[in-house]
Amino acid sequence: MRDFAVALFLGPLAGCGSLCLREATDSPFRDVTVPVGQSVQFTAGWTDLLSECEMPAPPDLRWSSSAPSIATIETSGTVRGLQPGTADVVVRAGWRSATRVITVVPPIARIVIQPKDTVMAVGDTVMFRAAAYDSAGTPIPQARIALRVIGVDGSGAMAEGAAGLKGGFFMGRDARRLPPNTLPVLAWRPSTGYVIGSLVGTRDSVKIAAVTH
């Protein structure tokens, strides 16, 4: 209760106090993809001094969907896709509000990442691209797929940020400014890892090996 009280009174003072929405997978895209029949979870909060959506929001939130025939929203922040189309999910706390665009797409049968298993030289960058397909093999270009790189450390365990691979956030490039469904990966020392693409339970992965010249 104390956290909510602090957020209610200090939230508007921190980072301009904007109400914000985070999707559970922390998608870098402004618009979030939900396949028909699937759900995604949203959490509301206040922006902090770094404009990150980290401070807890008060409990008396009001959720709504601009197109409930396309996507519904529960009081818990769970969004469910009903039919293809777009809808705005809105959360309100007092006179403040935050909105995220929901794109509902046909059911996704598979995700494909290209190029496939890749050997790259240390110092090089490779651009990986992902695409979603329905059960008939038809591309679903509206789908926004979250891509990330996972390294394999010295013990053989997979961990984000491990090994010598860096994806998306180097050279001052923000992932939100990249073309949809792409991820540049930089190899800065010999290592192995994986690029993983996922969207509400459907995923694909490709292996990377970074070697010296």
N, C-alpha and C. Protein backbone atom coordinates (compact mmCIF):
# COMPACT_ATOMS: atom_id res chain seq x y z
N MET A 1 0.83 -1.20 0.00
CA MET A 1 0.00 0.00 0.00
C MET A 1 0.87 1.25 0.00
N ARG A 2 1.98 1.19 0.74
CA ARG A 2 2.86 2.35 0.78
C ARG A 2 3.41 2.67 -0.60
N ASP A 3 3.79 1.63 -1.38
CA ASP A 3 4.32 1.87 -2.73
C ASP A 3 3.30 2.58 -3.59
N PHE A 4 2.03 2.16 -3.49
CA PHE A 4 1.00 2.78 -4.30
C PHE A 4 0.78 4.23 -3.89
N ALA A 5 0.86 4.50 -2.57
CA ALA A 5 0.69 5.87 -2.10
C ALA A 5 1.83 6.76 -2.60
N VAL A 6 3.05 6.24 -2.54
CA VAL A 6 4.19 6.99 -3.05
C VAL A 6 4.04 7.26 -4.53
N ALA A 7 3.62 6.22 -5.29
CA ALA A 7 3.46 6.38 -6.73
C ALA A 7 2.38 7.41 -7.05
N LEU A 8 1.30 7.40 -6.27
CA LEU A 8 0.19 8.29 -6.55
C LEU A 8 0.58 9.75 -6.37
N PHE A 9 1.39 10.03 -5.29
CA PHE A 9 1.72 11.41 -5.00
C PHE A 9 3.02 11.87 -5.66
N LEU A 10 4.01 10.96 -5.78
CA LEU A 10 5.29 11.35 -6.35
C LEU A 10 5.40 11.01 -7.82
N GLY A 11 4.56 10.09 -8.30
CA GLY A 11 4.63 9.71 -9.71
C GLY A 11 4.56 10.90 -10.64
N PRO A 12 3.62 11.84 -10.48
CA PRO A 12 3.55 12.97 -11.37
C PRO A 12 4.76 13.88 -11.31
N LEU A 13 5.63 13.74 -10.28
CA LEU A 13 6.81 14.58 -10.20
C LEU A 13 8.03 13.92 -10.82
N ALA A 14 7.99 12.60 -11.03
CA ALA A 14 9.16 11.87 -11.52
C ALA A 14 9.08 11.70 -13.02
N GLY A 15 10.11 12.19 -13.72
CA GLY A 15 10.14 12.05 -15.17
C GLY A 15 8.92 12.64 -15.82
N CYS A 16 8.42 13.75 -15.28
CA CYS A 16 7.19 14.40 -15.75
C CYS A 16 5.95 13.61 -15.37
N GLY A 17 6.12 12.47 -14.69
CA GLY A 17 4.98 11.73 -14.16
C GLY A 17 4.03 11.20 -15.19
N SER A 18 4.51 10.79 -16.36
CA SER A 18 3.62 10.27 -17.38
C SER A 18 3.15 8.87 -16.99
N LEU A 19 1.87 8.62 -17.18
CA LEU A 19 1.37 7.26 -17.03
C LEU A 19 1.86 6.48 -18.23
N CYS A 20 2.23 5.21 -18.02
CA CYS A 20 2.83 4.44 -19.11
C CYS A 20 2.32 3.00 -19.07
N LEU A 21 2.52 2.30 -20.18
CA LEU A 21 2.10 0.92 -20.31
C LEU A 21 3.28 0.08 -20.77
N ARG A 22 3.49 -1.06 -20.07
CA ARG A 22 4.51 -2.02 -20.49
C ARG A 22 3.84 -3.33 -20.83
N GLU A 23 4.27 -3.89 -21.95
CA GLU A 23 3.81 -5.21 -22.34
C GLU A 23 4.74 -6.23 -21.70
N ALA A 24 4.21 -7.39 -21.31
CA ALA A 24 4.96 -8.34 -20.49
C ALA A 24 6.29 -8.76 -21.10
N THR A 25 6.35 -8.90 -22.44
CA THR A 25 7.60 -9.31 -23.07
C THR A 25 8.51 -8.13 -23.33
N ASP A 26 8.08 -6.92 -22.89
CA ASP A 26 8.89 -5.71 -23.07
C ASP A 26 9.22 -5.49 -24.54
N SER A 27 8.21 -5.63 -25.39
CA SER A 27 8.40 -5.44 -26.82
C SER A 27 8.92 -4.04 -27.11
N PRO A 28 9.92 -3.91 -28.01
CA PRO A 28 10.43 -2.58 -28.34
C PRO A 28 9.52 -1.81 -29.28
N PHE A 29 8.45 -2.45 -29.78
CA PHE A 29 7.57 -1.81 -30.75
C PHE A 29 6.45 -1.06 -30.06
N ARG A 30 6.10 0.09 -30.65
CA ARG A 30 4.99 0.87 -30.12
C ARG A 30 3.68 0.10 -30.28
N ASP A 31 3.51 -0.56 -31.43
CA ASP A 31 2.31 -1.37 -31.62
C ASP A 31 2.64 -2.82 -31.29
N VAL A 32 1.75 -3.47 -30.56
CA VAL A 32 1.97 -4.84 -30.08
C VAL A 32 1.09 -5.79 -30.87
N THR A 33 1.66 -6.93 -31.28
CA THR A 33 0.92 -7.92 -32.06
C THR A 33 0.30 -8.97 -31.15
N VAL A 34 -0.96 -9.29 -31.41
CA VAL A 34 -1.66 -10.36 -30.70
C VAL A 34 -2.35 -11.24 -31.75
N PRO A 35 -2.00 -12.53 -31.85
CA PRO A 35 -2.74 -13.42 -32.76
C PRO A 35 -4.16 -13.65 -32.25
N VAL A 36 -5.07 -13.92 -33.18
CA VAL A 36 -6.46 -14.24 -32.81
C VAL A 36 -6.47 -15.41 -31.83
N GLY A 37 -7.23 -15.25 -30.75
CA GLY A 37 -7.34 -16.30 -29.75
C GLY A 37 -6.25 -16.31 -28.70
N GLN A 38 -5.25 -15.40 -28.82
CA GLN A 38 -4.16 -15.34 -27.86
C GLN A 38 -4.27 -14.08 -27.01
N SER A 39 -3.50 -14.03 -25.94
CA SER A 39 -3.55 -12.90 -25.01
C SER A 39 -2.15 -12.39 -24.71
N VAL A 40 -2.06 -11.10 -24.37
CA VAL A 40 -0.83 -10.51 -23.86
C VAL A 40 -1.17 -9.72 -22.60
N GLN A 41 -0.19 -9.60 -21.73
CA GLN A 41 -0.41 -8.93 -20.45
C GLN A 41 0.25 -7.55 -20.44
N PHE A 42 -0.49 -6.54 -20.01
CA PHE A 42 0.04 -5.20 -19.86
C PHE A 42 0.10 -4.83 -18.38
N THR A 43 1.09 -4.01 -18.05
CA THR A 43 1.23 -3.45 -16.71
C THR A 43 1.35 -1.94 -16.84
N ALA A 44 0.62 -1.21 -16.00
CA ALA A 44 0.69 0.24 -16.01
C ALA A 44 1.64 0.73 -14.93
N GLY A 45 2.21 1.91 -15.15
CA GLY A 45 3.10 2.50 -14.15
C GLY A 45 3.30 3.96 -14.45
N TRP A 46 4.16 4.60 -13.64
CA TRP A 46 4.59 5.97 -13.89
C TRP A 46 6.00 5.94 -14.47
N THR A 47 6.32 6.87 -15.33
CA THR A 47 7.70 7.00 -15.79
C THR A 47 8.55 7.57 -14.67
N ASP A 48 9.81 7.08 -14.58
CA ASP A 48 10.72 7.59 -13.56
C ASP A 48 11.56 8.73 -14.15
N LEU A 49 12.59 9.14 -13.43
CA LEU A 49 13.42 10.26 -13.87
C LEU A 49 14.15 9.98 -15.18
N LEU A 50 14.31 8.71 -15.53
CA LEU A 50 14.96 8.32 -16.79
C LEU A 50 13.93 8.01 -17.87
N SER A 51 12.66 8.34 -17.59
CA SER A 51 11.55 8.10 -18.53
C SER A 51 11.31 6.62 -18.76
N GLU A 52 11.75 5.77 -17.83
CA GLU A 52 11.47 4.35 -17.89
C GLU A 52 10.15 4.07 -17.15
N CYS A 53 9.42 3.08 -17.64
CA CYS A 53 8.12 2.75 -17.04
C CYS A 53 8.34 1.79 -15.87
N GLU A 54 8.84 2.34 -14.75
CA GLU A 54 9.28 1.51 -13.63
C GLU A 54 8.51 1.74 -12.34
N MET A 55 7.98 2.95 -12.12
CA MET A 55 7.31 3.22 -10.85
C MET A 55 5.91 2.63 -10.84
N PRO A 56 5.50 2.01 -9.72
CA PRO A 56 4.18 1.37 -9.68
C PRO A 56 3.06 2.38 -9.80
N ALA A 57 2.00 1.98 -10.50
CA ALA A 57 0.83 2.82 -10.66
C ALA A 57 -0.14 2.60 -9.50
N PRO A 58 -1.04 3.55 -9.24
CA PRO A 58 -2.06 3.35 -8.20
C PRO A 58 -3.01 2.23 -8.59
N PRO A 59 -3.71 1.63 -7.62
CA PRO A 59 -4.54 0.47 -7.92
C PRO A 59 -5.84 0.80 -8.65
N ASP A 60 -6.31 2.05 -8.59
CA ASP A 60 -7.61 2.39 -9.17
C ASP A 60 -7.47 2.76 -10.65
N LEU A 61 -7.06 1.79 -11.45
CA LEU A 61 -6.87 2.01 -12.89
C LEU A 61 -8.15 1.67 -13.64
N ARG A 62 -8.37 2.37 -14.74
CA ARG A 62 -9.52 2.11 -15.60
C ARG A 62 -9.00 1.75 -16.99
N TRP A 63 -9.32 0.53 -17.44
CA TRP A 63 -8.85 0.01 -18.72
C TRP A 63 -9.98 0.04 -19.74
N SER A 64 -9.62 0.27 -21.01
CA SER A 64 -10.64 0.23 -22.07
C SER A 64 -9.99 -0.10 -23.41
N SER A 65 -10.79 -0.59 -24.33
CA SER A 65 -10.37 -0.88 -25.70
C SER A 65 -11.21 -0.03 -26.65
N SER A 66 -10.55 0.56 -27.65
CA SER A 66 -11.29 1.39 -28.61
C SER A 66 -12.11 0.54 -29.57
N ALA A 67 -11.80 -0.74 -29.66
CA ALA A 67 -12.52 -1.64 -30.58
C ALA A 67 -12.68 -3.00 -29.90
N PRO A 68 -13.62 -3.14 -28.98
CA PRO A 68 -13.77 -4.40 -28.23
C PRO A 68 -14.16 -5.58 -29.10
N SER A 69 -14.63 -5.36 -30.32
CA SER A 69 -14.90 -6.49 -31.21
C SER A 69 -13.61 -7.06 -31.79
N ILE A 70 -12.52 -6.30 -31.70
CA ILE A 70 -11.21 -6.73 -32.22
C ILE A 70 -10.32 -7.21 -31.08
N ALA A 71 -10.27 -6.46 -30.00
CA ALA A 71 -9.45 -6.83 -28.84
C ALA A 71 -10.14 -6.38 -27.57
N THR A 72 -10.25 -7.29 -26.62
CA THR A 72 -10.85 -6.96 -25.32
C THR A 72 -9.74 -6.74 -24.29
N ILE A 73 -10.06 -6.01 -23.24
CA ILE A 73 -9.12 -5.76 -22.16
C ILE A 73 -9.80 -6.01 -20.82
N GLU A 74 -9.15 -6.78 -19.97
CA GLU A 74 -9.70 -7.06 -18.65
C GLU A 74 -9.14 -6.07 -17.63
N THR A 75 -9.73 -6.04 -16.46
CA THR A 75 -9.28 -5.12 -15.41
C THR A 75 -7.88 -5.47 -14.92
N SER A 76 -7.41 -6.66 -15.22
CA SER A 76 -6.06 -7.07 -14.84
C SER A 76 -5.02 -6.58 -15.84
N GLY A 77 -5.46 -6.02 -16.98
CA GLY A 77 -4.54 -5.59 -18.02
C GLY A 77 -4.28 -6.64 -19.09
N THR A 78 -5.03 -7.73 -19.08
CA THR A 78 -4.88 -8.79 -20.08
C THR A 78 -5.66 -8.44 -21.34
N VAL A 79 -4.97 -8.43 -22.48
CA VAL A 79 -5.59 -8.13 -23.77
C VAL A 79 -5.73 -9.43 -24.56
N ARG A 80 -6.91 -9.66 -25.12
CA ARG A 80 -7.16 -10.86 -25.92
C ARG A 80 -7.59 -10.46 -27.32
N GLY A 81 -6.96 -11.08 -28.33
CA GLY A 81 -7.32 -10.81 -29.72
C GLY A 81 -8.51 -11.63 -30.17
N LEU A 82 -9.49 -10.97 -30.79
CA LEU A 82 -10.71 -11.65 -31.23
C LEU A 82 -10.79 -11.80 -32.74
N GLN A 83 -10.41 -10.77 -33.49
CA GLN A 83 -10.42 -10.85 -34.94
C GLN A 83 -9.39 -9.86 -35.48
N PRO A 84 -8.88 -10.10 -36.73
CA PRO A 84 -7.83 -9.22 -37.27
C PRO A 84 -8.29 -7.76 -37.34
N GLY A 85 -7.37 -6.88 -37.01
CA GLY A 85 -7.64 -5.45 -37.02
C GLY A 85 -6.76 -4.75 -36.01
N THR A 86 -7.03 -3.48 -35.76
CA THR A 86 -6.26 -2.71 -34.79
C THR A 86 -7.18 -2.09 -33.74
N ALA A 87 -6.65 -1.91 -32.57
CA ALA A 87 -7.40 -1.28 -31.47
C ALA A 87 -6.41 -0.56 -30.57
N ASP A 88 -6.90 0.49 -29.93
CA ASP A 88 -6.10 1.20 -28.92
C ASP A 88 -6.49 0.67 -27.54
N VAL A 89 -5.49 0.27 -26.78
CA VAL A 89 -5.71 -0.08 -25.38
C VAL A 89 -5.35 1.13 -24.54
N VAL A 90 -6.28 1.58 -23.72
CA VAL A 90 -6.09 2.80 -22.94
C VAL A 90 -6.22 2.47 -21.45
N VAL A 91 -5.30 3.02 -20.66
CA VAL A 91 -5.40 2.91 -19.20
C VAL A 91 -5.46 4.34 -18.65
N ARG A 92 -6.30 4.54 -17.64
CA ARG A 92 -6.47 5.87 -17.04
C ARG A 92 -6.29 5.79 -15.53
N ALA A 93 -5.63 6.79 -14.99
CA ALA A 93 -5.49 6.96 -13.54
C ALA A 93 -5.74 8.43 -13.27
N GLY A 94 -6.89 8.75 -12.67
CA GLY A 94 -7.25 10.14 -12.50
C GLY A 94 -7.44 10.79 -13.85
N TRP A 95 -6.78 11.93 -14.08
CA TRP A 95 -6.92 12.61 -15.37
C TRP A 95 -5.83 12.24 -16.36
N ARG A 96 -4.91 11.36 -15.97
CA ARG A 96 -3.83 10.94 -16.87
C ARG A 96 -4.19 9.64 -17.58
N SER A 97 -3.61 9.46 -18.77
CA SER A 97 -3.89 8.24 -19.53
C SER A 97 -2.66 7.84 -20.34
N ALA A 98 -2.63 6.56 -20.74
CA ALA A 98 -1.58 6.03 -21.61
C ALA A 98 -2.24 5.08 -22.61
N THR A 99 -1.68 5.02 -23.81
CA THR A 99 -2.28 4.24 -24.89
C THR A 99 -1.22 3.40 -25.59
N ARG A 100 -1.58 2.17 -25.94
CA ARG A 100 -0.76 1.34 -26.82
C ARG A 100 -1.64 0.82 -27.94
N VAL A 101 -1.07 0.72 -29.13
CA VAL A 101 -1.78 0.20 -30.29
C VAL A 101 -1.66 -1.32 -30.32
N ILE A 102 -2.77 -2.00 -30.46
CA ILE A 102 -2.81 -3.46 -30.56
C ILE A 102 -3.15 -3.83 -31.99
N THR A 103 -2.33 -4.67 -32.61
CA THR A 103 -2.62 -5.21 -33.94
C THR A 103 -2.94 -6.69 -33.77
N VAL A 104 -4.17 -7.05 -34.09
CA VAL A 104 -4.59 -8.46 -34.01
C VAL A 104 -4.41 -9.08 -35.40
N VAL A 105 -3.67 -10.18 -35.45
CA VAL A 105 -3.35 -10.84 -36.72
C VAL A 105 -3.92 -12.26 -36.71
N PRO A 106 -4.01 -12.90 -37.89
CA PRO A 106 -4.47 -14.29 -37.93
C PRO A 106 -3.57 -15.18 -37.09
N PRO A 107 -4.06 -16.35 -36.67
CA PRO A 107 -3.23 -17.28 -35.89
C PRO A 107 -1.91 -17.56 -36.59
N ILE A 108 -0.83 -17.55 -35.84
CA ILE A 108 0.51 -17.75 -36.40
C ILE A 108 0.93 -19.20 -36.22
N ALA A 109 1.31 -19.83 -37.33
CA ALA A 109 1.73 -21.22 -37.30
C ALA A 109 3.23 -21.36 -37.06
N ARG A 110 4.02 -20.42 -37.62
CA ARG A 110 5.47 -20.53 -37.45
C ARG A 110 6.14 -19.18 -37.67
N ILE A 111 7.32 -19.06 -37.10
CA ILE A 111 8.21 -17.92 -37.30
C ILE A 111 9.49 -18.43 -37.93
N VAL A 112 10.01 -17.69 -38.90
CA VAL A 112 11.24 -18.08 -39.58
C VAL A 112 12.24 -16.93 -39.50
N ILE A 113 13.46 -17.23 -39.02
CA ILE A 113 14.54 -16.25 -38.95
C ILE A 113 15.56 -16.54 -40.04
N GLN A 114 16.01 -15.51 -40.72
CA GLN A 114 17.05 -15.61 -41.73
C GLN A 114 18.15 -14.59 -41.42
N PRO A 115 19.43 -14.87 -41.74
CA PRO A 115 19.91 -16.15 -42.27
C PRO A 115 19.89 -17.24 -41.20
N LYS A 116 19.98 -18.47 -41.68
CA LYS A 116 20.03 -19.60 -40.76
C LYS A 116 21.40 -19.66 -40.07
N ASP A 117 21.68 -20.77 -39.40
CA ASP A 117 22.90 -20.88 -38.61
C ASP A 117 24.08 -20.22 -39.34
N THR A 118 24.74 -19.29 -38.65
CA THR A 118 25.67 -18.36 -39.29
C THR A 118 27.04 -18.38 -38.60
N VAL A 119 28.09 -18.36 -39.42
CA VAL A 119 29.45 -18.15 -38.93
C VAL A 119 29.88 -16.76 -39.37
N MET A 120 30.28 -15.94 -38.40
CA MET A 120 30.66 -14.56 -38.70
C MET A 120 32.01 -14.25 -38.09
N ALA A 121 32.73 -13.31 -38.70
CA ALA A 121 34.05 -12.93 -38.21
C ALA A 121 33.92 -11.90 -37.09
N VAL A 122 34.81 -11.98 -36.12
CA VAL A 122 34.83 -10.99 -35.05
C VAL A 122 35.00 -9.60 -35.67
N GLY A 123 34.18 -8.66 -35.23
CA GLY A 123 34.20 -7.31 -35.78
C GLY A 123 33.13 -7.08 -36.83
N ASP A 124 32.52 -8.14 -37.31
CA ASP A 124 31.46 -8.01 -38.33
C ASP A 124 30.09 -7.89 -37.69
N THR A 125 29.17 -7.37 -38.48
CA THR A 125 27.77 -7.27 -38.08
C THR A 125 26.90 -7.99 -39.10
N VAL A 126 25.96 -8.78 -38.64
CA VAL A 126 25.02 -9.48 -39.51
C VAL A 126 23.60 -9.04 -39.13
N MET A 127 22.80 -8.73 -40.15
CA MET A 127 21.41 -8.35 -39.93
C MET A 127 20.52 -9.59 -40.03
N PHE A 128 19.80 -9.90 -38.95
CA PHE A 128 18.86 -11.01 -38.94
C PHE A 128 17.45 -10.48 -39.13
N ARG A 129 16.64 -11.25 -39.87
CA ARG A 129 15.27 -10.86 -40.16
C ARG A 129 14.32 -12.02 -39.84
N ALA A 130 13.16 -11.67 -39.33
CA ALA A 130 12.16 -12.69 -38.99
C ALA A 130 10.86 -12.42 -39.72
N ALA A 131 10.13 -13.48 -40.00
CA ALA A 131 8.81 -13.37 -40.64
C ALA A 131 7.87 -14.39 -40.02
N ALA A 132 6.59 -14.02 -39.95
CA ALA A 132 5.56 -14.91 -39.40
C ALA A 132 4.68 -15.42 -40.53
N TYR A 133 4.19 -16.66 -40.39
CA TYR A 133 3.36 -17.30 -41.42
C TYR A 133 2.16 -17.97 -40.76
N ASP A 134 1.05 -18.01 -41.50
CA ASP A 134 -0.11 -18.74 -41.00
C ASP A 134 -0.02 -20.20 -41.41
N SER A 135 -1.05 -20.98 -41.12
CA SER A 135 -1.00 -22.42 -41.36
C SER A 135 -0.94 -22.76 -42.85
N ALA A 136 -1.35 -21.83 -43.71
CA ALA A 136 -1.30 -22.06 -45.16
C ALA A 136 0.02 -21.61 -45.76
N GLY A 137 0.91 -21.09 -44.93
CA GLY A 137 2.20 -20.62 -45.42
C GLY A 137 2.17 -19.19 -45.93
N THR A 138 1.09 -18.48 -45.68
CA THR A 138 0.97 -17.09 -46.13
C THR A 138 1.66 -16.16 -45.12
N PRO A 139 2.52 -15.25 -45.60
CA PRO A 139 3.19 -14.32 -44.67
C PRO A 139 2.18 -13.42 -43.97
N ILE A 140 2.51 -13.04 -42.74
CA ILE A 140 1.70 -12.10 -41.96
C ILE A 140 2.58 -10.89 -41.69
N PRO A 141 2.63 -9.94 -42.63
CA PRO A 141 3.58 -8.82 -42.49
C PRO A 141 3.29 -7.89 -41.33
N GLN A 142 2.04 -7.89 -40.84
CA GLN A 142 1.71 -6.99 -39.72
C GLN A 142 2.29 -7.46 -38.40
N ALA A 143 2.68 -8.73 -38.33
CA ALA A 143 3.18 -9.29 -37.06
C ALA A 143 4.50 -8.65 -36.69
N ARG A 144 4.63 -8.22 -35.44
CA ARG A 144 5.86 -7.66 -34.91
C ARG A 144 6.50 -8.68 -33.98
N ILE A 145 7.67 -9.18 -34.39
CA ILE A 145 8.34 -10.27 -33.70
C ILE A 145 9.49 -9.73 -32.86
N ALA A 146 9.51 -10.08 -31.59
CA ALA A 146 10.59 -9.65 -30.70
C ALA A 146 11.82 -10.52 -30.93
N LEU A 147 12.93 -9.89 -31.34
CA LEU A 147 14.18 -10.59 -31.60
C LEU A 147 15.21 -10.21 -30.54
N ARG A 148 15.97 -11.20 -30.09
CA ARG A 148 17.04 -10.94 -29.13
C ARG A 148 18.17 -11.93 -29.36
N VAL A 149 19.36 -11.56 -28.89
CA VAL A 149 20.51 -12.45 -29.01
C VAL A 149 20.88 -12.97 -27.63
N ILE A 150 21.14 -14.27 -27.58
CA ILE A 150 21.53 -14.95 -26.34
C ILE A 150 22.90 -15.56 -26.54
N GLY A 151 23.82 -15.28 -25.63
CA GLY A 151 25.15 -15.84 -25.73
C GLY A 151 25.28 -17.11 -24.91
N VAL A 152 26.30 -17.90 -25.21
CA VAL A 152 26.62 -19.12 -24.45
C VAL A 152 27.92 -18.83 -23.70
N ASP A 153 27.87 -18.88 -22.37
CA ASP A 153 29.06 -18.54 -21.58
C ASP A 153 30.02 -19.72 -21.49
N GLY A 154 31.08 -19.55 -20.71
CA GLY A 154 32.12 -20.56 -20.62
C GLY A 154 31.66 -21.89 -20.09
N SER A 155 30.58 -21.91 -19.30
CA SER A 155 30.08 -23.16 -18.74
C SER A 155 29.08 -23.84 -19.68
N GLY A 156 28.78 -23.20 -20.81
CA GLY A 156 27.81 -23.77 -21.74
C GLY A 156 26.39 -23.31 -21.50
N ALA A 157 26.19 -22.46 -20.48
CA ALA A 157 24.84 -21.97 -20.18
C ALA A 157 24.51 -20.77 -21.05
N MET A 158 23.23 -20.65 -21.43
CA MET A 158 22.78 -19.53 -22.24
C MET A 158 22.36 -18.39 -21.32
N ALA A 159 22.80 -17.18 -21.65
CA ALA A 159 22.47 -16.01 -20.84
C ALA A 159 22.50 -14.77 -21.72
N GLU A 160 21.49 -13.93 -21.57
CA GLU A 160 21.45 -12.70 -22.35
C GLU A 160 22.61 -11.80 -21.94
N GLY A 161 23.33 -11.31 -22.93
CA GLY A 161 24.46 -10.43 -22.65
C GLY A 161 25.76 -11.19 -22.42
N ALA A 162 25.70 -12.54 -22.39
CA ALA A 162 26.92 -13.31 -22.19
C ALA A 162 27.70 -13.41 -23.49
N ALA A 163 28.90 -13.95 -23.40
CA ALA A 163 29.76 -14.20 -24.55
C ALA A 163 30.10 -12.89 -25.26
N GLY A 164 30.35 -12.95 -26.56
CA GLY A 164 30.85 -11.78 -27.29
C GLY A 164 29.93 -11.30 -28.37
N LEU A 165 28.62 -11.38 -28.14
CA LEU A 165 27.64 -10.98 -29.15
C LEU A 165 26.78 -9.85 -28.61
N LYS A 166 26.53 -8.85 -29.44
CA LYS A 166 25.72 -7.71 -29.02
C LYS A 166 24.67 -7.47 -30.09
N GLY A 167 23.41 -7.37 -29.68
CA GLY A 167 22.33 -7.21 -30.65
C GLY A 167 21.51 -5.97 -30.42
N GLY A 168 21.32 -5.18 -31.47
CA GLY A 168 20.30 -4.14 -31.46
C GLY A 168 20.65 -2.81 -30.85
N PHE A 169 21.39 -2.77 -29.75
CA PHE A 169 21.57 -1.53 -29.03
C PHE A 169 23.02 -1.06 -29.03
N PHE A 170 23.69 -1.17 -30.14
CA PHE A 170 25.06 -0.69 -30.21
C PHE A 170 25.14 0.46 -31.21
N MET A 171 26.21 1.19 -31.16
CA MET A 171 26.44 2.33 -32.05
C MET A 171 25.31 3.35 -31.97
N GLY A 172 24.70 3.44 -30.76
CA GLY A 172 23.67 4.45 -30.56
C GLY A 172 22.36 4.17 -31.26
N ARG A 173 22.16 2.97 -31.73
CA ARG A 173 20.93 2.66 -32.47
C ARG A 173 19.92 2.02 -31.52
N ASP A 174 18.79 2.64 -31.42
CA ASP A 174 17.70 2.14 -30.57
C ASP A 174 16.91 1.12 -31.37
N ALA A 175 16.56 -0.02 -30.74
CA ALA A 175 15.82 -1.08 -31.44
C ALA A 175 14.51 -0.57 -32.01
N ARG A 176 13.91 0.46 -31.37
CA ARG A 176 12.64 0.96 -31.87
C ARG A 176 12.79 1.69 -33.19
N ARG A 177 14.02 2.04 -33.58
CA ARG A 177 14.26 2.75 -34.84
C ARG A 177 14.70 1.82 -35.95
N LEU A 178 14.85 0.55 -35.64
CA LEU A 178 15.22 -0.43 -36.66
C LEU A 178 13.99 -0.80 -37.48
N PRO A 179 14.19 -1.29 -38.72
CA PRO A 179 13.05 -1.81 -39.48
C PRO A 179 12.38 -2.93 -38.71
N PRO A 180 11.07 -3.07 -38.83
CA PRO A 180 10.36 -4.13 -38.09
C PRO A 180 10.96 -5.51 -38.34
N ASN A 181 11.01 -6.31 -37.29
CA ASN A 181 11.42 -7.71 -37.38
C ASN A 181 12.87 -7.89 -37.84
N THR A 182 13.72 -6.96 -37.46
CA THR A 182 15.14 -7.08 -37.78
C THR A 182 15.97 -6.90 -36.52
N LEU A 183 17.17 -7.48 -36.53
CA LEU A 183 18.09 -7.32 -35.41
C LEU A 183 19.52 -7.42 -35.92
N PRO A 184 20.30 -6.32 -35.86
CA PRO A 184 21.72 -6.42 -36.20
C PRO A 184 22.48 -7.01 -35.03
N VAL A 185 23.39 -7.93 -35.32
CA VAL A 185 24.18 -8.57 -34.27
C VAL A 185 25.66 -8.32 -34.57
N LEU A 186 26.35 -7.77 -33.57
CA LEU A 186 27.78 -7.49 -33.67
C LEU A 186 28.56 -8.54 -32.89
N ALA A 187 29.60 -9.10 -33.51
CA ALA A 187 30.50 -10.03 -32.82
C ALA A 187 31.74 -9.26 -32.41
N TRP A 188 32.00 -9.16 -31.09
CA TRP A 188 33.16 -8.40 -30.65
C TRP A 188 34.27 -9.28 -30.08
N ARG A 189 34.01 -10.59 -29.93
CA ARG A 189 35.08 -11.54 -29.61
C ARG A 189 34.58 -12.94 -29.96
N PRO A 190 35.49 -13.92 -30.08
CA PRO A 190 35.05 -15.28 -30.44
C PRO A 190 34.03 -15.80 -29.44
N SER A 191 32.93 -16.34 -29.93
CA SER A 191 31.85 -16.79 -29.05
C SER A 191 30.81 -17.53 -29.87
N THR A 192 29.85 -18.11 -29.17
CA THR A 192 28.69 -18.73 -29.82
C THR A 192 27.43 -18.24 -29.11
N GLY A 193 26.33 -18.31 -29.82
CA GLY A 193 25.06 -17.88 -29.25
C GLY A 193 23.92 -18.15 -30.20
N TYR A 194 22.78 -17.56 -29.91
CA TYR A 194 21.57 -17.77 -30.69
C TYR A 194 20.81 -16.45 -30.85
N VAL A 195 20.19 -16.29 -32.01
CA VAL A 195 19.18 -15.26 -32.19
C VAL A 195 17.82 -15.94 -32.05
N ILE A 196 17.00 -15.41 -31.17
CA ILE A 196 15.70 -16.00 -30.88
C ILE A 196 14.60 -15.00 -31.23
N GLY A 197 13.61 -15.48 -31.97
CA GLY A 197 12.45 -14.66 -32.29
C GLY A 197 11.21 -15.29 -31.70
N SER A 198 10.37 -14.47 -31.06
CA SER A 198 9.19 -15.03 -30.41
C SER A 198 8.01 -14.08 -30.53
N LEU A 199 6.83 -14.67 -30.53
CA LEU A 199 5.59 -13.90 -30.56
C LEU A 199 4.49 -14.75 -29.94
N VAL A 200 4.14 -14.46 -28.70
CA VAL A 200 3.03 -15.09 -27.98
C VAL A 200 3.05 -16.61 -28.16
N GLY A 201 4.13 -17.24 -27.73
CA GLY A 201 4.18 -18.70 -27.70
C GLY A 201 4.76 -19.36 -28.94
N THR A 202 4.96 -18.62 -30.04
CA THR A 202 5.57 -19.17 -31.25
C THR A 202 6.98 -18.62 -31.37
N ARG A 203 7.95 -19.48 -31.69
CA ARG A 203 9.33 -19.00 -31.72
C ARG A 203 10.17 -19.76 -32.73
N ASP A 204 11.32 -19.17 -33.04
CA ASP A 204 12.33 -19.81 -33.88
C ASP A 204 13.68 -19.34 -33.35
N SER A 205 14.73 -20.08 -33.64
CA SER A 205 16.07 -19.68 -33.23
C SER A 205 17.09 -20.14 -34.26
N VAL A 206 18.17 -19.38 -34.38
CA VAL A 206 19.28 -19.75 -35.26
C VAL A 206 20.57 -19.59 -34.46
N LYS A 207 21.56 -20.41 -34.78
CA LYS A 207 22.82 -20.40 -34.06
C LYS A 207 23.82 -19.47 -34.73
N ILE A 208 24.64 -18.81 -33.90
CA ILE A 208 25.70 -17.93 -34.38
C ILE A 208 27.02 -18.42 -33.81
N ALA A 209 28.06 -18.42 -34.66
CA ALA A 209 29.42 -18.68 -34.20
C ALA A 209 30.29 -17.52 -34.68
N ALA A 210 30.92 -16.83 -33.74
CA ALA A 210 31.83 -15.74 -34.08
C ALA A 210 33.26 -16.25 -33.98
N VAL A 211 34.03 -16.06 -35.06
CA VAL A 211 35.39 -16.60 -35.11
C VAL A 211 36.35 -15.50 -35.54
N THR A 212 37.64 -15.70 -35.24
CA THR A 212 38.65 -14.76 -35.70
C THR A 212 38.95 -15.03 -37.16
N HIS A 213 39.49 -14.02 -37.83
CA HIS A 213 39.81 -14.15 -39.26
C HIS A 213 40.87 -15.23 -39.47
